């Protein structure tokens, strides 16, 4: 699964000279936790909800420190004063699995998606944790339908039966061709929401695969014949996550 299939586009962004109050309203109105900061069409930073809160929340009127707080000068007035310039970014071809690992490592909730080559900073979208959750929060029925549709587009034997349980796909066929099994597993694993694929090599299918969960000794024998191919591995190309300071403006 690639970033281009889960990102939100176009992304809502702000300019560096926007007031902190205006940026806070934008976050609140859209329900976001972060906004990319764009100047002259280029990503120059990111500002989060906690950045906007820094130094702007005062104590209760009954607190003895309130008077001192109110007398202090407010230093940060615009997004440029509080935004982060060291931004984790992704490109359209970034693998979502790699992106999630990077988001966990850096404890970020939102990642801007950019285009324009290796050093490009043209904002084309944004990926949030919610976007990824929505991509995997699919019912088994939805996944099974998409797996069947994906398999039907390729010249595979038409006796490939599909069932899904908790995101794990079981493919059963009566052919025993390892190459075809591998192709089918990779196709099934490319469907959003799939977390694993199993191949059941069955010499005969007298009943539908969706009856494998019952049927006595014969069904148990067929289940024991299933060969797990494990969770479908990520197909990687080259590192396409970037972590580098953006140019200051």
C-alpha atoms as a PDB file:
ATOM      1  CA  UNK A   1       0.000   0.000   0.000  1.00  0.00           C
ATOM      2  CA  UNK A   2       1.454   3.319  -1.082  1.00  0.00           C
ATOM      3  CA  UNK A   3       0.979   6.803   0.323  1.00  0.00           C
ATOM      4  CA  UNK A   4      -0.886   8.009  -2.747  1.00  0.00           C
ATOM      5  CA  UNK A   5      -3.730   5.575  -1.939  1.00  0.00           C
ATOM      6  CA  UNK A   6      -4.331   6.851   1.616  1.00  0.00           C
ATOM      7  CA  UNK A   7      -3.300  10.509   1.695  1.00  0.00           C
ATOM      8  CA  UNK A   8      -5.683  13.449   1.910  1.00  0.00           C
ATOM      9  CA  UNK A   9      -5.383  15.846  -1.005  1.00  0.00           C
ATOM     10  CA  UNK A  10      -5.320  18.761  -1.360  1.00  0.00           C
ATOM     11  CA  UNK A  11      -3.868  19.462   2.054  1.00  0.00           C
ATOM     12  CA  UNK A  12      -5.029  22.427   4.117  1.00  0.00           C
ATOM     13  CA  UNK A  13      -1.991  24.598   4.783  1.00  0.00           C
ATOM     14  CA  UNK A  14      -1.028  27.964   6.247  1.00  0.00           C
ATOM     15  CA  UNK A  15       1.558  30.596   5.406  1.00  0.00           C
ATOM     16  CA  UNK A  16       4.360  31.483   7.832  1.00  0.00           C
ATOM     17  CA  UNK A  17       2.987  34.981   8.417  1.00  0.00           C
ATOM     18  CA  UNK A  18      -0.465  33.777   9.484  1.00  0.00           C
ATOM     19  CA  UNK A  19      -1.321  34.683  13.070  1.00  0.00           C
ATOM     20  CA  UNK A  20      -1.282  31.960  15.690  1.00  0.00           C
ATOM     21  CA  UNK A  21      -4.939  32.653  16.440  1.00  0.00           C
ATOM     22  CA  UNK A  22      -5.907  32.143  12.771  1.00  0.00           C
ATOM     23  CA  UNK A  23      -3.918  28.915  12.573  1.00  0.00           C
ATOM     24  CA  UNK A  24      -5.568  27.670  15.765  1.00  0.00           C
ATOM     25  CA  UNK A  25      -9.001  28.373  14.276  1.00  0.00           C
ATOM     26  CA  UNK A  26      -8.070  26.423  11.138  1.00  0.00           C
ATOM     27  CA  UNK A  27      -7.029  23.413  13.213  1.00  0.00           C
ATOM     28  CA  UNK A  28     -10.173  23.564  15.335  1.00  0.00           C
ATOM     29  CA  UNK A  29     -12.529  23.995  12.364  1.00  0.00           C
ATOM     30  CA  UNK A  30     -11.091  21.053  10.433  1.00  0.00           C
ATOM     31  CA  UNK A  31     -10.370  18.791  13.399  1.00  0.00           C
ATOM     32  CA  UNK A  32      -6.681  18.542  12.479  1.00  0.00           C
ATOM     33  CA  UNK A  33      -3.678  18.236  14.772  1.00  0.00           C
ATOM     34  CA  UNK A  34      -1.137  19.791  12.394  1.00  0.00           C
ATOM     35  CA  UNK A  35      -0.898  22.065   9.379  1.00  0.00           C
ATOM     36  CA  UNK A  36       1.831  22.148   6.728  1.00  0.00           C
ATOM     37  CA  UNK A  37       3.387  25.590   6.357  1.00  0.00           C
ATOM     38  CA  UNK A  38       3.783  26.686   2.741  1.00  0.00           C
ATOM     39  CA  UNK A  39       5.460  29.719   1.209  1.00  0.00           C
ATOM     40  CA  UNK A  40       5.724  30.405  -2.523  1.00  0.00           C
ATOM     41  CA  UNK A  41       4.297  26.950  -3.223  1.00  0.00           C
ATOM     42  CA  UNK A  42       7.013  25.178  -1.224  1.00  0.00           C
ATOM     43  CA  UNK A  43       6.767  23.354   2.093  1.00  0.00           C
ATOM     44  CA  UNK A  44       8.818  25.250   4.689  1.00  0.00           C
ATOM     45  CA  UNK A  45       7.643  23.664   7.924  1.00  0.00           C
ATOM     46  CA  UNK A  46       4.805  22.197   9.937  1.00  0.00           C
ATOM     47  CA  UNK A  47       2.891  23.559  12.911  1.00  0.00           C
ATOM     48  CA  UNK A  48       1.038  21.370  15.396  1.00  0.00           C
ATOM     49  CA  UNK A  49      -1.663  22.019  17.944  1.00  0.00           C
ATOM     50  CA  UNK A  50       0.822  21.843  20.813  1.00  0.00           C
ATOM     51  CA  UNK A  51       3.065  24.380  19.061  1.00  0.00           C
ATOM     52  CA  UNK A  52       0.171  26.831  18.939  1.00  0.00           C
ATOM     53  CA  UNK A  53      -0.676  26.271  22.601  1.00  0.00           C
ATOM     54  CA  UNK A  54       2.831  26.959  23.842  1.00  0.00           C
ATOM     55  CA  UNK A  55       2.835  30.021  26.086  1.00  0.00           C
ATOM     56  CA  UNK A  56      -0.727  31.012  25.221  1.00  0.00           C
ATOM     57  CA  UNK A  57      -2.751  29.236  27.888  1.00  0.00           C
ATOM     58  CA  UNK A  58      -3.098  31.253  31.081  1.00  0.00           C
ATOM     59  CA  UNK A  59      -3.798  30.059  34.599  1.00  0.00           C
ATOM     60  CA  UNK A  60      -7.169  30.415  36.239  1.00  0.00           C
ATOM     61  CA  UNK A  61      -8.115  33.801  37.708  1.00  0.00           C
ATOM     62  CA  UNK A  62      -7.712  32.359  41.207  1.00  0.00           C
ATOM     63  CA  UNK A  63      -4.092  31.437  40.567  1.00  0.00           C
ATOM     64  CA  UNK A  64      -1.400  33.643  42.139  1.00  0.00           C
ATOM     65  CA  UNK A  65       0.711  33.447  38.972  1.00  0.00           C
ATOM     66  CA  UNK A  66      -1.913  34.878  36.629  1.00  0.00           C
ATOM     67  CA  UNK A  67      -0.954  38.508  37.201  1.00  0.00           C
ATOM     68  CA  UNK A  68       2.661  37.800  36.227  1.00  0.00           C
ATOM     69  CA  UNK A  69       1.575  35.886  33.151  1.00  0.00           C
ATOM     70  CA  UNK A  70      -0.666  38.698  31.948  1.00  0.00           C
ATOM     71  CA  UNK A  71       2.170  41.193  32.338  1.00  0.00           C
ATOM     72  CA  UNK A  72       4.536  39.176  30.174  1.00  0.00           C
ATOM     73  CA  UNK A  73       5.140  40.119  26.568  1.00  0.00           C
ATOM     74  CA  UNK A  74       3.830  37.634  24.011  1.00  0.00           C
ATOM     75  CA  UNK A  75       6.852  36.737  21.911  1.00  0.00           C
ATOM     76  CA  UNK A  76       5.278  34.295  19.466  1.00  0.00           C
ATOM     77  CA  UNK A  77       2.697  35.969  17.241  1.00  0.00           C
ATOM     78  CA  UNK A  78       2.833  34.166  13.891  1.00  0.00           C
ATOM     79  CA  UNK A  79       3.150  30.592  12.667  1.00  0.00           C
ATOM     80  CA  UNK A  80       6.764  31.275  11.718  1.00  0.00           C
ATOM     81  CA  UNK A  81       7.556  31.868  15.391  1.00  0.00           C
ATOM     82  CA  UNK A  82       6.450  28.403  16.524  1.00  0.00           C
ATOM     83  CA  UNK A  83       6.586  26.058  13.524  1.00  0.00           C
ATOM     84  CA  UNK A  84       9.096  23.230  13.127  1.00  0.00           C
ATOM     85  CA  UNK A  85      11.427  23.331  10.129  1.00  0.00           C
ATOM     86  CA  UNK A  86      12.750  19.797  10.562  1.00  0.00           C
ATOM     87  CA  UNK A  87       9.907  17.936   8.873  1.00  0.00           C
ATOM     88  CA  UNK A  88       9.365  14.260   8.152  1.00  0.00           C
ATOM     89  CA  UNK A  89       7.998  14.102   4.618  1.00  0.00           C
ATOM     90  CA  UNK A  90       6.807  11.370   2.268  1.00  0.00           C
ATOM     91  CA  UNK A  91       6.365  11.109  -1.486  1.00  0.00           C
ATOM     92  CA  UNK A  92       3.560   9.496  -3.453  1.00  0.00           C
ATOM     93  CA  UNK A  93       5.465   6.213  -3.791  1.00  0.00           C
ATOM     94  CA  UNK A  94       6.376   5.887  -0.113  1.00  0.00           C
ATOM     95  CA  UNK A  95       5.273   2.545   1.306  1.00  0.00           C
ATOM     96  CA  UNK A  96       2.708   3.142   4.052  1.00  0.00           C
ATOM     97  CA  UNK A  97       4.333   0.452   6.208  1.00  0.00           C
ATOM     98  CA  UNK A  98       7.623   2.382   6.128  1.00  0.00           C
ATOM     99  CA  UNK A  99       5.791   5.618   6.842  1.00  0.00           C
ATOM    100  CA  UNK A 100       4.021   4.188   9.890  1.00  0.00           C
ATOM    101  CA  UNK A 101       7.361   2.977  11.272  1.00  0.00           C
ATOM    102  CA  UNK A 102       8.801   6.474  10.837  1.00  0.00           C
ATOM    103  CA  UNK A 103       5.741   8.093  12.421  1.00  0.00           C
ATOM    104  CA  UNK A 104       6.041   5.799  15.433  1.00  0.00           C
ATOM    105  CA  UNK A 105       9.767   6.466  15.779  1.00  0.00           C
ATOM    106  CA  UNK A 106       9.357  10.235  15.647  1.00  0.00           C
ATOM    107  CA  UNK A 107       6.008  10.313  17.432  1.00  0.00           C
ATOM    108  CA  UNK A 108       4.319  12.416  14.781  1.00  0.00           C
ATOM    109  CA  UNK A 109       0.660  12.301  13.837  1.00  0.00           C
ATOM    110  CA  UNK A 110       0.794  13.928  10.410  1.00  0.00           C
ATOM    111  CA  UNK A 111       3.262  13.746   7.519  1.00  0.00           C
ATOM    112  CA  UNK A 112       3.194  16.108   4.516  1.00  0.00           C
ATOM    113  CA  UNK A 113       3.444  14.507   1.077  1.00  0.00           C
ATOM    114  CA  UNK A 114       5.655  16.338  -1.400  1.00  0.00           C
ATOM    115  CA  UNK A 115       6.555  16.146  -5.073  1.00  0.00           C
ATOM    116  CA  UNK A 116       9.234  17.651  -7.264  1.00  0.00           C
ATOM    117  CA  UNK A 117      12.107  15.183  -7.287  1.00  0.00           C
ATOM    118  CA  UNK A 118      14.648  14.215  -4.650  1.00  0.00           C
ATOM    119  CA  UNK A 119      14.735  17.699  -3.141  1.00  0.00           C
ATOM    120  CA  UNK A 120      11.219  18.697  -4.112  1.00  0.00           C
ATOM    121  CA  UNK A 121       9.056  20.506  -1.576  1.00  0.00           C
ATOM    122  CA  UNK A 122       5.824  21.007  -3.503  1.00  0.00           C
ATOM    123  CA  UNK A 123       3.005  20.049  -1.151  1.00  0.00           C
ATOM    124  CA  UNK A 124       0.601  17.582  -2.773  1.00  0.00           C
ATOM    125  CA  UNK A 125      -1.123  16.077   0.269  1.00  0.00           C
ATOM    126  CA  UNK A 126      -0.866  14.923   3.860  1.00  0.00           C
ATOM    127  CA  UNK A 127      -1.112  11.577   5.645  1.00  0.00           C
ATOM    128  CA  UNK A 128      -2.397  11.309   9.201  1.00  0.00           C
ATOM    129  CA  UNK A 129      -2.696   8.369  11.553  1.00  0.00           C
ATOM    130  CA  UNK A 130      -6.428   8.572  10.960  1.00  0.00           C
ATOM    131  CA  UNK A 131      -5.930   8.168   7.207  1.00  0.00           C
ATOM    132  CA  UNK A 132      -3.966   4.961   7.751  1.00  0.00           C
ATOM    133  CA  UNK A 133      -6.473   3.646  10.283  1.00  0.00           C
ATOM    134  CA  UNK A 134      -9.308   4.272   7.835  1.00  0.00           C
ATOM    135  CA  UNK A 135      -7.421   2.314   5.176  1.00  0.00           C
ATOM    136  CA  UNK A 136      -7.091  -0.789   7.332  1.00  0.00           C
ATOM    137  CA  UNK A 137     -10.411  -0.570   9.204  1.00  0.00           C
ATOM    138  CA  UNK A 138     -12.265  -2.629   6.606  1.00  0.00           C
ATOM    139  CA  UNK A 139     -14.630  -5.531   7.018  1.00  0.00           C
ATOM    140  CA  UNK A 140     -13.688  -9.033   5.918  1.00  0.00           C
ATOM    141  CA  UNK A 141     -16.457  -8.833   3.325  1.00  0.00           C
ATOM    142  CA  UNK A 142     -14.999  -5.680   1.798  1.00  0.00           C
ATOM    143  CA  UNK A 143     -11.533  -7.212   1.700  1.00  0.00           C
ATOM    144  CA  UNK A 144     -12.773 -10.483   0.163  1.00  0.00           C
ATOM    145  CA  UNK A 145     -14.645  -8.576  -2.547  1.00  0.00           C
ATOM    146  CA  UNK A 146     -11.561  -6.567  -3.459  1.00  0.00           C
ATOM    147  CA  UNK A 147      -9.308  -9.647  -3.427  1.00  0.00           C
ATOM    148  CA  UNK A 148     -11.645 -11.451  -5.828  1.00  0.00           C
ATOM    149  CA  UNK A 149     -11.765  -8.388  -8.052  1.00  0.00           C
ATOM    150  CA  UNK A 150      -7.966  -8.101  -8.029  1.00  0.00           C
ATOM    151  CA  UNK A 151      -7.505 -11.780  -8.904  1.00  0.00           C
ATOM    152  CA  UNK A 152     -10.086 -11.585 -11.697  1.00  0.00           C
ATOM    153  CA  UNK A 153      -7.963  -9.053 -13.562  1.00  0.00           C
ATOM    154  CA  UNK A 154      -5.124 -11.529 -14.073  1.00  0.00           C
ATOM    155  CA  UNK A 155      -4.945 -14.804 -16.030  1.00  0.00           C
ATOM    156  CA  UNK A 156      -5.199 -17.017 -12.953  1.00  0.00           C
ATOM    157  CA  UNK A 157      -7.148 -20.277 -12.695  1.00  0.00           C
ATOM    158  CA  UNK A 158     -10.797 -19.605 -11.981  1.00  0.00           C
ATOM    159  CA  UNK A 159     -10.881 -22.213  -9.226  1.00  0.00           C
ATOM    160  CA  UNK A 160      -9.131 -19.921  -6.741  1.00  0.00           C
ATOM    161  CA  UNK A 161     -11.469 -19.590  -3.767  1.00  0.00           C
ATOM    162  CA  UNK A 162     -11.216 -16.713  -1.305  1.00  0.00           C
ATOM    163  CA  UNK A 163     -12.159 -16.364   2.325  1.00  0.00           C
ATOM    164  CA  UNK A 164     -11.104 -13.721   4.849  1.00  0.00           C
ATOM    165  CA  UNK A 165     -11.039 -13.785   8.628  1.00  0.00           C
ATOM    166  CA  UNK A 166      -9.793 -10.817  10.689  1.00  0.00           C
ATOM    167  CA  UNK A 167      -7.878  -9.449   7.705  1.00  0.00           C
ATOM    168  CA  UNK A 168      -6.123 -12.755   6.929  1.00  0.00           C
ATOM    169  CA  UNK A 169      -6.888 -14.049   3.438  1.00  0.00           C
ATOM    170  CA  UNK A 170      -7.029 -17.758   2.659  1.00  0.00           C
ATOM    171  CA  UNK A 171      -6.695 -18.715  -1.001  1.00  0.00           C
ATOM    172  CA  UNK A 172      -7.575 -22.299  -1.903  1.00  0.00           C
ATOM    173  CA  UNK A 173      -7.019 -23.933  -5.286  1.00  0.00           C
ATOM    174  CA  UNK A 174      -6.724 -27.383  -6.789  1.00  0.00           C
ATOM    175  CA  UNK A 175      -3.686 -26.749  -8.971  1.00  0.00           C
ATOM    176  CA  UNK A 176      -0.489 -26.878  -6.961  1.00  0.00           C
ATOM    177  CA  UNK A 177       1.482 -24.447  -9.121  1.00  0.00           C
ATOM    178  CA  UNK A 178       3.863 -22.615  -6.780  1.00  0.00           C
ATOM    179  CA  UNK A 179       4.367 -19.732  -9.202  1.00  0.00           C
ATOM    180  CA  UNK A 180       0.634 -19.128  -9.502  1.00  0.00           C
ATOM    181  CA  UNK A 181       0.241 -19.406  -5.754  1.00  0.00           C
ATOM    182  CA  UNK A 182       2.920 -16.787  -5.194  1.00  0.00           C
ATOM    183  CA  UNK A 183       1.348 -14.424  -7.735  1.00  0.00           C
ATOM    184  CA  UNK A 184      -2.081 -14.862  -6.167  1.00  0.00           C
ATOM    185  CA  UNK A 185      -0.693 -14.253  -2.686  1.00  0.00           C
ATOM    186  CA  UNK A 186       1.057 -11.055  -3.768  1.00  0.00           C
ATOM    187  CA  UNK A 187      -2.090  -9.795  -5.508  1.00  0.00           C
ATOM    188  CA  UNK A 188      -4.201 -10.527  -2.447  1.00  0.00           C
ATOM    189  CA  UNK A 189      -1.631  -8.914  -0.173  1.00  0.00           C
ATOM    190  CA  UNK A 190      -1.801  -5.679  -2.157  1.00  0.00           C
ATOM    191  CA  UNK A 191      -5.425  -5.114  -1.144  1.00  0.00           C
ATOM    192  CA  UNK A 192      -5.987  -2.518   1.564  1.00  0.00           C
ATOM    193  CA  UNK A 193      -6.680  -4.081   4.949  1.00  0.00           C
ATOM    194  CA  UNK A 194      -4.971  -7.413   4.280  1.00  0.00           C
ATOM    195  CA  UNK A 195      -2.541  -8.329   7.054  1.00  0.00           C
ATOM    196  CA  UNK A 196      -1.681 -11.861   5.990  1.00  0.00           C
ATOM    197  CA  UNK A 197      -2.214 -14.462   3.270  1.00  0.00           C
ATOM    198  CA  UNK A 198      -2.449 -18.246   3.532  1.00  0.00           C
ATOM    199  CA  UNK A 199      -2.437 -20.703   0.665  1.00  0.00           C
ATOM    200  CA  UNK A 200      -4.489 -23.886   1.051  1.00  0.00           C
ATOM    201  CA  UNK A 201      -3.321 -26.497  -1.456  1.00  0.00           C
ATOM    202  CA  UNK A 202      -6.327 -28.761  -1.904  1.00  0.00           C
ATOM    203  CA  UNK A 203      -6.396 -31.693  -4.375  1.00  0.00           C
ATOM    204  CA  UNK A 204     -10.159 -31.536  -4.571  1.00  0.00           C
ATOM    205  CA  UNK A 205     -12.824 -29.032  -3.552  1.00  0.00           C
ATOM    206  CA  UNK A 206     -16.163 -30.872  -3.221  1.00  0.00           C
ATOM    207  CA  UNK A 207     -17.566 -28.023  -1.113  1.00  0.00           C
ATOM    208  CA  UNK A 208     -17.071 -24.225  -1.007  1.00  0.00           C
ATOM    209  CA  UNK A 209     -14.080 -22.924   0.882  1.00  0.00           C
ATOM    210  CA  UNK A 210     -16.350 -20.940   3.200  1.00  0.00           C
ATOM    211  CA  UNK A 211     -17.286 -24.275   4.775  1.00  0.00           C
ATOM    212  CA  UNK A 212     -13.736 -25.009   5.912  1.00  0.00           C
ATOM    213  CA  UNK A 213     -14.643 -23.849   9.387  1.00  0.00           C
ATOM    214  CA  UNK A 214     -16.851 -26.952   9.912  1.00  0.00           C
ATOM    215  CA  UNK A 215     -17.539 -30.361   8.440  1.00  0.00           C
ATOM    216  CA  UNK A 216     -15.913 -32.905  10.738  1.00  0.00           C
ATOM    217  CA  UNK A 217     -12.832 -34.993   9.996  1.00  0.00           C
ATOM    218  CA  UNK A 218     -12.726 -34.289   6.256  1.00  0.00           C
ATOM    219  CA  UNK A 219     -12.740 -30.548   6.864  1.00  0.00           C
ATOM    220  CA  UNK A 220     -10.038 -30.931   9.506  1.00  0.00           C
ATOM    221  CA  UNK A 221      -7.896 -32.871   7.057  1.00  0.00           C
ATOM    222  CA  UNK A 222      -8.237 -30.122   4.486  1.00  0.00           C
ATOM    223  CA  UNK A 223      -7.430 -27.473   7.043  1.00  0.00           C
ATOM    224  CA  UNK A 224      -4.320 -29.390   8.062  1.00  0.00           C
ATOM    225  CA  UNK A 225      -3.242 -29.379   4.415  1.00  0.00           C
ATOM    226  CA  UNK A 226      -3.158 -25.586   4.356  1.00  0.00           C
ATOM    227  CA  UNK A 227       0.288 -24.125   3.856  1.00  0.00           C
ATOM    228  CA  UNK A 228       0.901 -20.745   5.416  1.00  0.00           C
ATOM    229  CA  UNK A 229       2.871 -18.293   3.387  1.00  0.00           C
ATOM    230  CA  UNK A 230       2.836 -15.790   6.262  1.00  0.00           C
ATOM    231  CA  UNK A 231       2.177 -12.132   6.174  1.00  0.00           C
ATOM    232  CA  UNK A 232       2.837 -10.719   2.762  1.00  0.00           C
ATOM    233  CA  UNK A 233       6.134  -8.870   2.906  1.00  0.00           C
ATOM    234  CA  UNK A 234       6.559  -5.284   1.944  1.00  0.00           C
ATOM    235  CA  UNK A 235       7.862  -4.758  -1.570  1.00  0.00           C
ATOM    236  CA  UNK A 236      10.446  -2.059  -1.249  1.00  0.00           C
ATOM    237  CA  UNK A 237      12.269  -0.073  -3.844  1.00  0.00           C
ATOM    238  CA  UNK A 238      14.454   2.698  -2.499  1.00  0.00           C
ATOM    239  CA  UNK A 239      14.253   4.778   0.689  1.00  0.00           C
ATOM    240  CA  UNK A 240      11.761   7.533   0.016  1.00  0.00           C
ATOM    241  CA  UNK A 241      11.172   8.965   3.427  1.00  0.00           C
ATOM    242  CA  UNK A 242      13.077  12.149   4.024  1.00  0.00           C
ATOM    243  CA  UNK A 243      14.134  13.847   7.200  1.00  0.00           C
ATOM    244  CA  UNK A 244      15.957  17.054   6.572  1.00  0.00           C
ATOM    245  CA  UNK A 245      15.621  20.659   7.741  1.00  0.00           C
ATOM    246  CA  UNK A 246      13.581  22.711   5.360  1.00  0.00           C
ATOM    247  CA  UNK A 247      14.994  26.028   4.190  1.00  0.00           C
ATOM    248  CA  UNK A 248      14.182  28.908   6.489  1.00  0.00           C
ATOM    249  CA  UNK A 249      12.249  31.793   5.070  1.00  0.00           C
END
